[in-house]
Amino acid sequence: MLLRLLLLVLSIGAAISEDMCGPSDCLCTPADGDNNVFMHCANRSLTEIPEFPPEPKAVLGLEAGHNSISKLTVFRRAPLKLLDLHYNRIGSLPAGVFSELNSLEVLDLSHNNIMELQPECFQGLEKLIVLNLTENFVETIQPKTFHEIPLLKQLSLAGNSFKIIDSQWFSNLKHMEHLDLRLLALSSLPEDVFHFLPVLTLLELSGNDFEDVPTEALRGAKSLKILHMEQNPIATLTWKSFEGMTSIEELHLSSMPHLMSIEDNAFSSMSALRILDLANNPLLTRVSGNAFYVSPNNESTTLAEVYLAYANLSSLPFAGFDWCSIHVLDLRGNPWHCDCSLDWIRGCQFPPELTDHFLCNEPPELSGLPVIQLTQADLRCIQLSPARGGSPEDEHHHGHMSLRLLVVTAGLVILLMVLGVVLVGFRRRDIRDWIQNRKRVGAVYYVKAQTEPGSRRVQV
């Protein structure tokens, strides 16, 4: 009975929706107000924009993605707030094509065939907030193209064909908060490119050709909080890489195919950094413990989450850095060499979901064992005396000091043995000389004298 009632309600709703849409082949649903509708026209094999329902109906939203629309003509006046035309075949944007859509706030033109953007194509869109041009074939953007949309907050140009950014594109976008520049084969940026974006908080630069961090350009984004630079061919991060970027709170550097080393003080300027993603970097073998200090002279960190999973790390230096103070530390999927250098891990608390695949790779007798379950004996550390107590960090330091003392002591013993051998050699020679000298003292020497026959030997 309940199922029949549900089907009846759905059929009534569908009938009402079809009537609201008028002659078009779309499904309409009520929007804000009695006469306002939202047109759902996706996947309808449309080749042109569908006809709007007659007045007094007012269309607030048109969803017409995944069709075969190839040409746009000037839209008639309508209170549209959202226009979604993604995954069509649109090749160009005529001048003034949206000029009558003065209430439009969201425009999605992604995954089309647009090759050029002229300044007049966005005329009339004074209230536009979101513009998505992802995955087109745009090669040319005139300097003042986006000047017609001064309230724009989110712009995506990802996956187009231009390889150079012009700072003038963004010179009138004072309200821009989110800029997507992924997959553009960019290798550099103008130093002043973000100077005109005073409230930019999210920047996406993933999947480009940066071999170095565009430090000078990024320093101009004074309000930047989230930076994505995944999948760039950067090999080394140094203290210069993020110098002066004091506002960034999230930094995403995962899936970097060439990243091998993170040097001392690489993130020391990033005094607001809370989340650092370095996961899935297959060549990353070295991470300096000093890389995470807030400043070279301040051994503290603001980090709350660090992701180093599925890299190529065999060790992670202690270097006095309190790794255990990081609330989320993901070290899974690395080929860990389990020895005393990892003893500090025993003092950390890992949530259960971060313990899977956190295993030793070497030495052979520990291969496959969970790192967090190892004892000091397993790690071959010299245990601190219970009477002294101390933290895992103290034990780690004591182990290293004891090892150094053992090496120095062994060296001294060897040196003393060598000196002993030398002295014994000298002593033997002295004893031999002394014995020979003793033989000479009091010795009687006989000299054959020329005497007459019958005389006796003269004792000298």
Protein backbone atom coordinates (compact mmCIF):
# COMPACT_ATOMS: atom_id res chain seq x y z
CA MET A 1 0.00 0.00 0.00
CA LEU A 2 2.84 2.39 0.92
CA LEU A 3 4.68 1.61 -2.35
CA ARG A 4 1.54 2.35 -4.39
CA LEU A 5 1.09 5.66 -2.58
CA LEU A 6 4.75 6.59 -3.28
CA LEU A 7 4.38 5.79 -6.99
CA LEU A 8 1.20 7.89 -7.12
CA VAL A 9 2.93 10.88 -5.55
CA LEU A 10 5.89 10.59 -7.98
CA SER A 11 3.58 10.37 -11.01
CA ILE A 12 1.65 13.43 -9.90
CA GLY A 13 4.91 15.31 -9.36
CA ALA A 14 6.17 14.30 -12.81
CA ALA A 15 2.96 15.43 -14.45
CA ILE A 16 3.14 18.76 -12.68
CA SER A 17 6.80 19.13 -13.74
CA GLU A 18 6.05 18.43 -17.39
CA ASP A 19 3.25 21.02 -17.38
CA MET A 20 5.58 23.59 -15.81
CA CYS A 21 8.13 23.15 -18.62
CA GLY A 22 5.66 23.85 -21.40
CA PRO A 23 6.59 22.51 -24.85
CA SER A 24 10.25 21.74 -24.11
CA ASP A 25 11.58 18.21 -23.70
CA CYS A 26 12.92 18.96 -20.22
CA LEU A 27 11.88 18.26 -16.67
CA CYS A 28 11.04 21.31 -14.58
CA THR A 29 10.88 21.53 -10.81
CA PRO A 30 9.67 24.38 -8.64
CA ALA A 31 12.28 26.86 -7.48
CA ASP A 32 11.97 29.82 -5.12
CA GLY A 33 8.47 31.26 -5.45
CA ASP A 34 5.31 29.94 -7.12
CA ASN A 35 6.23 30.89 -10.69
CA ASN A 36 9.93 30.08 -10.60
CA VAL A 37 11.25 26.84 -12.09
CA PHE A 38 14.49 24.94 -12.57
CA MET A 39 14.86 23.25 -15.98
CA HIS A 40 16.58 19.83 -16.05
CA CYS A 41 17.63 19.18 -19.65
CA ALA A 42 20.79 17.06 -19.28
CA ASN A 43 21.29 13.99 -21.49
CA ARG A 44 18.43 14.91 -23.85
CA SER A 45 20.41 14.82 -27.13
CA LEU A 46 19.74 18.54 -27.55
CA THR A 47 21.47 20.44 -30.37
CA GLU A 48 20.35 23.90 -29.21
CA ILE A 49 19.26 25.67 -26.07
CA PRO A 50 15.72 24.55 -25.17
CA GLU A 51 12.85 27.00 -25.25
CA PHE A 52 11.97 28.56 -21.93
CA PRO A 53 8.40 28.15 -20.60
CA PRO A 54 6.10 31.10 -21.27
CA GLU A 55 5.44 33.81 -18.73
CA PRO A 56 4.56 34.10 -15.92
CA LYS A 57 6.95 31.21 -15.38
CA ALA A 58 10.49 32.36 -14.68
CA VAL A 59 13.52 30.08 -15.14
CA LEU A 60 16.07 30.44 -12.33
CA GLY A 61 18.27 27.55 -13.40
CA LEU A 62 19.02 25.65 -16.61
CA GLU A 63 20.91 22.36 -16.51
CA ALA A 64 21.73 21.30 -20.08
CA GLY A 65 24.96 19.36 -19.77
CA HIS A 66 25.88 16.22 -21.74
CA ASN A 67 24.15 17.25 -24.94
CA SER A 68 25.29 18.13 -28.48
CA ILE A 69 24.81 21.90 -28.43
CA SER A 70 27.45 23.44 -30.73
CA LYS A 71 26.28 27.02 -31.18
CA LEU A 72 25.00 29.68 -28.83
CA THR A 73 22.80 32.63 -29.75
CA VAL A 74 21.98 35.58 -27.53
CA PHE A 75 19.83 34.44 -24.62
CA ARG A 76 16.53 36.23 -24.15
CA ARG A 77 16.02 38.10 -20.90
CA ALA A 78 15.50 35.77 -17.95
CA PRO A 79 16.23 35.84 -14.20
CA LEU A 80 18.64 32.90 -14.56
CA LYS A 81 20.99 32.41 -11.63
CA LEU A 82 22.60 29.16 -12.83
CA LEU A 83 23.47 28.07 -16.40
CA ASP A 84 25.11 24.67 -16.80
CA LEU A 85 26.31 23.77 -20.32
CA HIS A 86 29.17 21.40 -19.52
CA TYR A 87 30.01 18.52 -21.89
CA ASN A 88 28.61 20.02 -25.08
CA ARG A 89 30.25 20.99 -28.38
CA ILE A 90 30.25 24.77 -28.06
CA GLY A 91 33.07 26.20 -30.20
CA SER A 92 32.81 29.95 -29.58
CA LEU A 93 31.17 32.59 -27.42
CA PRO A 94 29.65 35.40 -29.51
CA ALA A 95 29.90 38.95 -28.22
CA GLY A 96 27.05 39.77 -25.84
CA VAL A 97 25.71 36.21 -25.83
CA PHE A 98 24.91 36.49 -22.09
CA SER A 99 24.17 40.21 -22.01
CA GLU A 100 20.49 39.72 -21.04
CA LEU A 101 21.28 37.38 -18.15
CA ASN A 102 22.03 40.12 -15.63
CA SER A 103 21.18 37.93 -12.62
CA LEU A 104 23.45 35.02 -13.56
CA GLU A 105 25.72 33.90 -10.70
CA VAL A 106 27.04 30.51 -11.88
CA LEU A 107 28.15 29.70 -15.45
CA ASP A 108 29.57 26.27 -16.31
CA LEU A 109 31.10 25.98 -19.80
CA SER A 110 33.54 23.19 -18.98
CA HIS A 111 34.36 20.36 -21.40
CA ASN A 112 33.47 22.17 -24.60
CA ASN A 113 35.47 23.19 -27.70
CA ILE A 114 35.99 26.90 -26.99
CA MET A 115 39.28 28.18 -28.48
CA GLU A 116 39.26 31.94 -27.82
CA LEU A 117 37.83 34.35 -25.26
CA GLN A 118 37.04 37.90 -26.33
CA PRO A 119 36.28 40.73 -23.85
CA GLU A 120 32.69 41.14 -25.05
CA CYS A 121 31.73 37.50 -24.54
CA PHE A 122 31.00 38.03 -20.83
CA GLN A 123 29.30 41.39 -21.22
CA GLY A 124 26.36 41.89 -18.86
CA LEU A 125 27.49 39.37 -16.24
CA GLU A 126 28.06 41.90 -13.47
CA LYS A 127 26.73 39.51 -10.81
CA LEU A 128 28.60 36.38 -11.91
CA ILE A 129 30.38 34.65 -9.02
CA VAL A 130 31.49 31.29 -10.49
CA LEU A 131 32.91 30.71 -14.00
CA ASN A 132 34.07 27.25 -15.06
CA LEU A 133 36.04 26.96 -18.33
CA THR A 134 37.82 23.70 -17.49
CA GLU A 135 38.92 21.38 -20.33
CA ASN A 136 38.34 23.54 -23.37
CA PHE A 137 40.87 24.38 -26.08
CA VAL A 138 41.42 28.02 -25.20
CA GLU A 139 44.67 29.31 -26.69
CA THR A 140 44.02 33.05 -26.52
CA ILE A 141 42.56 35.23 -23.78
CA GLN A 142 42.48 38.95 -24.38
CA PRO A 143 43.88 41.03 -21.48
CA LYS A 144 40.52 42.53 -20.43
CA THR A 145 38.34 39.47 -21.00
CA PHE A 146 37.40 39.08 -17.34
CA HIS A 147 37.02 42.79 -16.61
CA GLU A 148 33.29 42.46 -17.39
CA ILE A 149 32.78 40.20 -14.35
CA PRO A 150 34.22 42.16 -11.40
CA LEU A 151 32.41 40.17 -8.67
CA LEU A 152 33.90 36.84 -9.75
CA LYS A 153 34.98 34.70 -6.78
CA GLN A 154 35.81 31.38 -8.44
CA LEU A 155 37.50 30.90 -11.83
CA SER A 156 38.67 27.65 -13.39
CA LEU A 157 40.90 27.71 -16.47
CA ALA A 158 42.25 24.19 -15.95
CA GLY A 159 43.11 21.93 -18.86
CA ASN A 160 43.22 24.50 -21.65
CA SER A 161 45.84 25.05 -24.34
CA PHE A 162 47.58 28.29 -23.30
CA LYS A 163 50.95 27.93 -21.57
CA ILE A 164 51.55 31.50 -20.46
CA ILE A 165 49.60 33.53 -17.90
CA ASP A 166 49.02 37.25 -18.39
CA SER A 167 48.78 39.22 -15.14
CA GLN A 168 46.28 41.59 -16.79
CA TRP A 169 43.67 38.83 -16.92
CA PHE A 170 43.16 39.13 -13.17
CA SER A 171 43.73 42.86 -12.68
CA ASN A 172 40.04 43.66 -12.05
CA LEU A 173 39.11 40.61 -9.96
CA LYS A 174 39.31 42.07 -6.46
CA HIS A 175 36.90 39.46 -5.06
CA MET A 176 38.62 36.35 -6.44
CA GLU A 177 38.94 33.64 -3.77
CA HIS A 178 39.53 30.42 -5.74
CA LEU A 179 41.69 30.22 -8.89
CA ASP A 180 42.19 26.92 -10.73
CA LEU A 181 45.24 26.81 -13.05
CA ARG A 182 45.75 23.04 -13.20
CA LEU A 183 46.94 21.08 -16.24
CA LEU A 184 48.18 24.02 -18.30
CA ALA A 185 51.82 22.97 -18.91
CA LEU A 186 52.94 26.07 -16.99
CA SER A 187 56.64 26.24 -16.12
CA SER A 188 56.71 29.79 -14.73
CA LEU A 189 54.45 32.61 -13.55
CA PRO A 190 54.78 36.41 -13.76
CA GLU A 191 56.02 37.75 -10.45
CA ASP A 192 53.04 40.13 -10.15
CA VAL A 193 50.37 37.67 -11.30
CA PHE A 194 48.61 37.50 -7.91
CA HIS A 195 49.17 41.09 -6.79
CA PHE A 196 45.69 42.04 -8.02
CA LEU A 197 43.95 39.26 -6.04
CA PRO A 198 43.93 40.54 -2.45
CA VAL A 199 41.51 37.90 -1.08
CA LEU A 200 42.74 34.83 -3.00
CA THR A 201 42.64 31.94 -0.52
CA LEU A 202 42.72 28.79 -2.71
CA LEU A 203 45.15 28.31 -5.61
CA GLU A 204 45.47 25.16 -7.71
CA LEU A 205 48.67 24.67 -9.74
CA SER A 206 48.67 20.86 -9.95
CA GLY A 207 49.69 18.94 -13.04
CA ASN A 208 51.92 21.62 -14.55
CA ASP A 209 55.61 21.67 -15.56
CA PHE A 210 57.12 23.61 -12.64
CA GLU A 211 60.66 22.37 -11.91
CA ASP A 212 60.94 24.90 -9.09
CA VAL A 213 58.36 26.45 -6.82
CA PRO A 214 57.34 29.85 -8.32
CA THR A 215 58.33 31.54 -5.09
CA GLU A 216 58.29 35.18 -6.21
CA ALA A 217 54.81 34.89 -7.72
CA LEU A 218 53.36 33.03 -4.74
CA ARG A 219 54.67 35.61 -2.28
CA GLY A 220 52.33 38.09 -3.95
CA ALA A 221 49.28 36.09 -2.81
CA LYS A 222 49.14 37.65 0.64
CA SER A 223 45.90 35.94 1.74
CA LEU A 224 46.60 32.48 0.31
CA LYS A 225 45.61 29.68 2.68
CA ILE A 226 45.47 26.54 0.51
CA LEU A 227 48.02 25.72 -2.21
CA HIS A 228 47.86 22.67 -4.47
CA MET A 229 51.05 21.83 -6.40
CA GLU A 230 50.66 18.08 -6.87
CA GLN A 231 52.12 16.34 -9.92
CA ASN A 232 54.84 18.84 -10.78
CA PRO A 233 58.43 17.77 -11.73
CA ILE A 234 60.12 19.42 -8.73
CA ALA A 235 63.12 17.38 -7.48
CA THR A 236 64.21 19.21 -4.31
CA LEU A 237 62.56 21.52 -1.80
CA THR A 238 64.95 23.95 -0.10
CA TRP A 239 64.64 26.80 2.38
CA LYS A 240 64.02 29.16 -0.55
CA SER A 241 61.09 27.20 -2.00
CA PHE A 242 58.37 28.65 0.26
CA GLU A 243 60.25 31.59 1.72
CA GLY A 244 57.95 34.36 2.95
CA MET A 245 54.68 32.43 2.54
CA THR A 246 53.40 33.07 6.02
CA SER A 247 49.65 32.79 5.37
CA ILE A 248 49.45 29.26 3.87
CA GLU A 249 47.68 26.74 6.12
CA GLU A 250 47.43 23.77 3.74
CA LEU A 251 50.15 22.66 1.33
CA HIS A 252 49.57 19.74 -1.05
CA LEU A 253 52.68 18.26 -2.71
CA SER A 254 51.64 14.66 -3.37
CA SER A 255 52.28 12.54 -6.46
CA MET A 256 55.43 14.45 -7.46
CA PRO A 257 57.21 12.11 -9.91
CA HIS A 258 60.72 13.58 -9.40
CA LEU A 259 60.72 14.74 -5.77
CA MET A 260 63.71 13.14 -4.01
CA SER A 261 64.74 15.38 -1.12
CA ILE A 262 63.31 17.85 1.38
CA GLU A 263 66.15 19.91 2.83
CA ASP A 264 66.69 21.80 6.08
CA ASN A 265 64.20 24.62 6.80
CA ALA A 266 62.15 23.88 3.68
CA PHE A 267 58.97 24.98 5.49
CA SER A 268 60.50 27.23 8.15
CA SER A 269 58.87 30.41 6.78
CA MET A 270 55.38 28.90 6.82
CA SER A 271 54.35 29.98 10.30
CA ALA A 272 50.64 29.18 9.73
CA LEU A 273 51.10 25.74 8.12
CA ARG A 274 48.80 23.09 9.63
CA ILE A 275 48.35 20.43 6.92
CA LEU A 276 51.21 19.11 4.77
CA ASP A 277 50.56 16.41 2.17
CA LEU A 278 53.70 14.69 0.81
CA ALA A 279 52.14 11.30 0.10
CA ASN A 280 52.67 9.14 -2.98
CA ASN A 281 56.07 10.55 -3.95
CA PRO A 282 57.83 7.43 -5.27
CA LEU A 283 61.40 8.85 -5.32
CA LEU A 284 61.32 10.69 -1.99
CA THR A 285 64.14 9.19 0.09
CA ARG A 286 65.27 12.07 2.30
CA VAL A 287 63.27 14.29 4.65
CA SER A 288 65.24 16.50 7.01
CA GLY A 289 63.87 16.70 10.53
CA ASN A 290 64.87 20.38 10.46
CA ALA A 291 62.54 21.00 7.51
CA PHE A 292 59.52 21.44 9.75
CA TYR A 293 60.66 24.03 12.29
CA VAL A 294 58.73 27.30 12.23
CA SER A 295 62.04 29.14 11.97
CA PRO A 296 65.70 28.11 12.07
CA ASN A 297 65.98 29.39 15.66
CA ASN A 298 62.61 28.12 16.89
CA GLU A 299 62.37 24.36 17.35
CA SER A 300 58.57 24.21 17.29
CA THR A 301 55.92 23.52 14.69
CA THR A 302 52.33 24.50 13.92
CA LEU A 303 51.73 21.29 11.97
CA ALA A 304 48.71 19.20 12.91
CA GLU A 305 48.69 16.78 9.97
CA VAL A 306 51.61 15.40 7.93
CA TYR A 307 51.14 12.79 5.21
CA LEU A 308 54.30 10.93 4.14
CA ALA A 309 52.61 7.69 3.11
CA TYR A 310 53.72 5.60 0.14
CA ALA A 311 56.98 7.39 -0.56
CA ASN A 312 60.43 5.74 -0.61
CA LEU A 313 61.57 6.54 2.93
CA SER A 314 63.71 4.03 4.80
CA SER A 315 64.39 6.30 7.76
CA LEU A 316 63.11 9.54 9.26
CA PRO A 317 65.69 11.48 11.27
CA PHE A 318 64.91 12.40 14.84
CA ALA A 319 67.03 15.60 14.82
CA GLY A 320 65.39 16.77 18.04
CA PHE A 321 62.09 17.35 16.22
CA ASP A 322 59.02 16.22 18.16
CA TRP A 323 57.28 14.13 15.49
CA CYS A 324 54.87 12.80 18.09
CA SER A 325 53.38 16.28 18.60
CA ILE A 326 51.75 16.01 15.15
CA HIS A 327 48.17 14.79 15.63
CA VAL A 328 47.99 12.93 12.31
CA LEU A 329 51.29 11.45 11.10
CA ASP A 330 50.85 9.06 8.17
CA LEU A 331 53.97 6.96 7.51
CA ARG A 332 52.40 3.93 5.85
CA GLY A 333 53.70 2.16 2.77
CA ASN A 334 57.38 3.09 3.04
CA PRO A 335 60.33 0.61 2.95
CA TRP A 336 61.38 1.28 6.55
CA HIS A 337 64.82 0.14 7.77
CA CYS A 338 63.98 -0.68 11.37
CA ASP A 339 66.90 0.18 13.63
CA CYS A 340 67.54 2.43 16.59
CA SER A 341 67.06 5.58 14.48
CA LEU A 342 63.30 4.82 14.53
CA ASP A 343 63.15 4.32 18.29
CA TRP A 344 61.28 7.64 18.71
CA ILE A 345 58.25 6.09 16.96
CA ARG A 346 57.58 3.99 20.06
CA GLY A 347 56.56 7.18 21.88
CA CYS A 348 53.92 8.20 19.31
CA GLN A 349 50.22 7.36 19.30
CA PHE A 350 48.91 6.29 15.88
CA PRO A 351 45.18 5.86 15.15
CA PRO A 352 44.31 2.34 13.96
CA GLU A 353 43.70 3.41 10.37
CA LEU A 354 47.32 4.64 10.10
CA THR A 355 48.93 1.42 11.33
CA ASP A 356 48.06 -0.79 8.33
CA HIS A 357 50.99 -1.14 5.90
CA PHE A 358 53.29 0.58 8.42
CA LEU A 359 55.83 -2.24 8.25
CA CYS A 360 59.57 -2.91 8.37
CA ASN A 361 61.30 -3.71 5.11
CA GLU A 362 64.80 -4.28 6.56
CA PRO A 363 66.69 -5.94 8.18
CA PRO A 364 65.49 -9.33 6.91
CA GLU A 365 64.68 -10.67 10.38
CA LEU A 366 62.22 -7.78 10.94
CA SER A 367 60.77 -7.59 7.42
CA GLY A 368 56.98 -7.50 7.44
CA LEU A 369 56.65 -6.70 11.15
CA PRO A 370 54.60 -3.65 12.27
CA VAL A 371 56.96 -0.82 13.17
CA ILE A 372 54.91 0.33 16.14
CA GLN A 373 55.10 -3.11 17.79
CA LEU A 374 58.89 -3.30 17.89
CA THR A 375 60.83 -3.15 21.14
CA GLN A 376 64.18 -1.53 21.86
CA ALA A 377 65.73 -4.96 21.64
CA ASP A 378 64.24 -5.44 18.16
CA LEU A 379 65.64 -2.06 17.15
CA ARG A 380 69.02 -2.94 18.71
CA CYS A 381 69.08 0.09 20.95
CA ILE A 382 71.12 0.36 24.15
CA GLN A 383 68.44 0.64 26.80
CA LEU A 384 68.52 3.49 29.30
CA SER A 385 68.89 2.46 32.94
CA PRO A 386 65.47 2.27 34.68
CA ALA A 387 66.88 4.25 37.59
CA ARG A 388 67.42 7.20 35.29
CA GLY A 389 64.10 7.03 33.52
CA GLY A 390 63.47 9.49 30.73
CA SER A 391 61.36 9.93 27.65
CA PRO A 392 61.75 7.93 24.40
CA GLU A 393 63.57 10.94 22.99
CA ASP A 394 66.04 10.83 25.91
CA GLU A 395 66.50 7.09 25.44
CA HIS A 396 67.15 7.62 21.76
CA HIS A 397 69.75 10.29 22.51
CA HIS A 398 71.32 8.15 25.23
CA GLY A 399 71.55 5.20 22.84
CA HIS A 400 73.43 7.29 20.32
CA MET A 401 75.74 8.70 22.99
CA SER A 402 76.45 5.20 24.36
CA LEU A 403 77.27 3.95 20.90
CA ARG A 404 79.65 6.84 20.35
CA LEU A 405 81.29 6.19 23.74
CA LEU A 406 81.74 2.53 22.86
CA VAL A 407 83.42 3.42 19.58
CA VAL A 408 85.74 5.94 21.27
CA THR A 409 86.65 3.44 24.01
CA ALA A 410 87.45 0.74 21.47
CA GLY A 411 89.65 3.20 19.61
CA LEU A 412 91.55 4.08 22.78
CA VAL A 413 92.10 0.41 23.62
CA ILE A 414 93.52 -0.24 20.17
CA LEU A 415 95.76 2.83 20.48
CA LEU A 416 97.07 1.65 23.87
CA MET A 417 97.79 -1.80 22.46
CA VAL A 418 99.79 -0.29 19.62
CA LEU A 419 101.72 1.90 22.05
CA GLY A 420 102.35 -1.16 24.24
CA VAL A 421 103.81 -3.08 21.34
CA VAL A 422 106.06 -0.13 20.49
CA LEU A 423 107.19 0.24 24.09
CA VAL A 424 107.90 -3.47 24.41
CA GLY A 425 110.05 -3.23 21.30
CA PHE A 426 111.99 -0.34 22.82
CA ARG A 427 112.35 -2.15 26.14
CA ARG A 428 113.79 -5.28 24.57
CA ARG A 429 116.44 -3.25 22.78
CA ASP A 430 117.31 -1.39 26.00
CA ILE A 431 117.64 -4.67 27.95
CA ARG A 432 119.91 -6.14 25.29
CA ASP A 433 122.13 -3.05 25.35
CA TRP A 434 122.25 -3.15 29.16
CA ILE A 435 123.37 -6.81 29.19
CA GLN A 436 126.09 -6.05 26.72
CA ASN A 437 127.25 -3.09 28.81
CA ARG A 438 127.33 -5.27 31.92
CA LYS A 439 129.63 -7.68 30.22
CA ARG A 440 132.09 -4.88 29.64
CA VAL A 441 132.16 -3.65 33.26
CA GLY A 442 135.00 -5.42 35.22
CA ALA A 443 136.10 -7.45 32.23
CA VAL A 444 139.76 -8.58 32.04
CA TYR A 445 141.54 -7.94 28.82
CA TYR A 446 144.82 -9.66 27.99
CA VAL A 447 147.43 -8.06 25.81
CA LYS A 448 150.26 -10.10 24.48
CA ALA A 449 153.45 -8.35 25.56
CA GLN A 450 156.80 -8.66 23.92
CA THR A 451 158.96 -10.11 26.71
CA GLU A 452 161.96 -12.10 26.97
CA PRO A 453 161.60 -15.79 26.88
CA GLY A 454 160.47 -17.23 30.14
CA SER A 455 158.62 -14.08 31.34
CA ARG A 456 154.93 -14.22 32.40
CA ARG A 457 151.81 -12.49 30.81
CA VAL A 458 151.18 -9.04 32.16
CA GLN A 459 147.63 -8.44 33.45
CA VAL A 460 146.24 -5.13 32.47
